[in-house]
Protein backbone atom coordinates (compact mmCIF):
# COMPACT_ATOMS: atom_id res chain seq x y z
CA UNK A 1 -177.47 42.34 47.65
CA UNK A 2 -174.05 43.06 49.12
CA UNK A 3 -171.69 45.73 47.85
CA UNK A 4 -168.02 44.93 47.54
CA UNK A 5 -165.06 46.87 46.18
CA UNK A 6 -162.64 45.29 43.72
CA UNK A 7 -159.44 46.61 42.21
CA UNK A 8 -158.69 46.07 38.53
CA UNK A 9 -155.77 47.06 36.37
CA UNK A 10 -156.62 49.62 33.68
CA UNK A 11 -156.72 47.13 30.80
CA UNK A 12 -159.12 44.82 32.65
CA UNK A 13 -161.28 47.74 33.76
CA UNK A 14 -161.51 49.01 30.17
CA UNK A 15 -162.47 45.56 28.94
CA UNK A 16 -165.13 45.27 31.66
CA UNK A 17 -166.59 48.68 30.79
CA UNK A 18 -166.77 47.77 27.08
CA UNK A 19 -168.36 44.38 27.78
CA UNK A 20 -170.89 45.90 30.16
CA UNK A 21 -171.78 48.69 27.69
CA UNK A 22 -172.20 46.23 24.81
CA UNK A 23 -174.62 44.22 26.94
CA UNK A 24 -176.44 47.29 28.25
CA UNK A 25 -175.57 46.73 31.91
CA UNK A 26 -173.34 48.13 34.61
CA UNK A 27 -169.86 46.81 35.33
CA UNK A 28 -171.11 45.78 38.75
CA UNK A 29 -173.87 43.66 37.22
CA UNK A 30 -171.48 42.18 34.64
CA UNK A 31 -169.02 41.11 37.34
CA UNK A 32 -171.87 39.71 39.43
CA UNK A 33 -173.18 37.63 36.54
CA UNK A 34 -169.69 36.39 35.65
CA UNK A 35 -169.09 35.30 39.24
CA UNK A 36 -172.52 33.68 39.47
CA UNK A 37 -171.85 31.80 36.24
CA UNK A 38 -168.55 30.49 37.63
CA UNK A 39 -170.22 29.50 40.87
CA UNK A 40 -172.88 27.46 39.05
CA UNK A 41 -170.36 25.86 36.72
CA UNK A 42 -168.35 24.65 39.70
CA UNK A 43 -171.39 23.24 41.48
CA UNK A 44 -172.58 21.51 38.26
CA UNK A 45 -169.17 19.85 37.95
CA UNK A 46 -169.21 18.79 41.61
CA UNK A 47 -172.68 17.28 41.21
CA UNK A 48 -171.66 15.38 38.06
CA UNK A 49 -168.54 14.05 39.79
CA UNK A 50 -170.59 12.97 42.82
CA UNK A 51 -173.03 11.06 40.57
CA UNK A 52 -170.16 9.45 38.64
CA UNK A 53 -168.36 8.30 41.77
CA UNK A 54 -171.59 6.88 43.23
CA UNK A 55 -171.91 4.40 40.33
CA UNK A 56 -170.73 0.83 40.72
CA UNK A 57 -167.66 -0.13 38.66
CA UNK A 58 -168.36 -1.89 35.37
CA UNK A 59 -166.68 -5.22 34.59
CA UNK A 60 -165.14 -4.87 31.15
CA UNK A 61 -164.74 -8.58 30.44
CA UNK A 62 -166.40 -11.52 32.11
CA UNK A 63 -164.02 -14.09 30.59
CA UNK A 64 -160.32 -14.56 31.26
CA UNK A 65 -159.26 -13.70 27.71
CA UNK A 66 -156.14 -11.62 27.39
CA UNK A 67 -156.42 -8.01 26.33
CA UNK A 68 -154.78 -7.07 23.03
CA UNK A 69 -151.35 -5.48 23.23
CA UNK A 70 -150.82 -1.87 22.26
CA UNK A 71 -149.22 -2.94 18.98
CA UNK A 72 -152.17 -5.19 18.13
CA UNK A 73 -154.62 -2.44 18.94
CA UNK A 74 -152.86 0.13 16.74
CA UNK A 75 -152.10 -2.20 13.80
CA UNK A 76 -153.68 -0.12 11.03
CA UNK A 77 -152.73 -2.53 8.25
CA UNK A 78 -154.65 -5.35 9.93
CA UNK A 79 -157.70 -3.11 10.30
CA UNK A 80 -157.74 -2.32 6.57
CA UNK A 81 -157.93 -5.99 5.50
């Protein structure tokens, strides 16, 4: 483990002390876990994006039919018939 020094404004430091105390841990451990959580969230997103971009594009329509216009798509009265 590495030790680092951070500077916090008083409001943030008070919040961190309260959060750490309510969880029964030190402020140092709380900050470490928060940073670790952010690190994993970022890598999970990157992995999901990599898998998504590796997929082949999907053809939406095989025929040459025209797509409906915006007005046709949002015509609520026609949908209720």
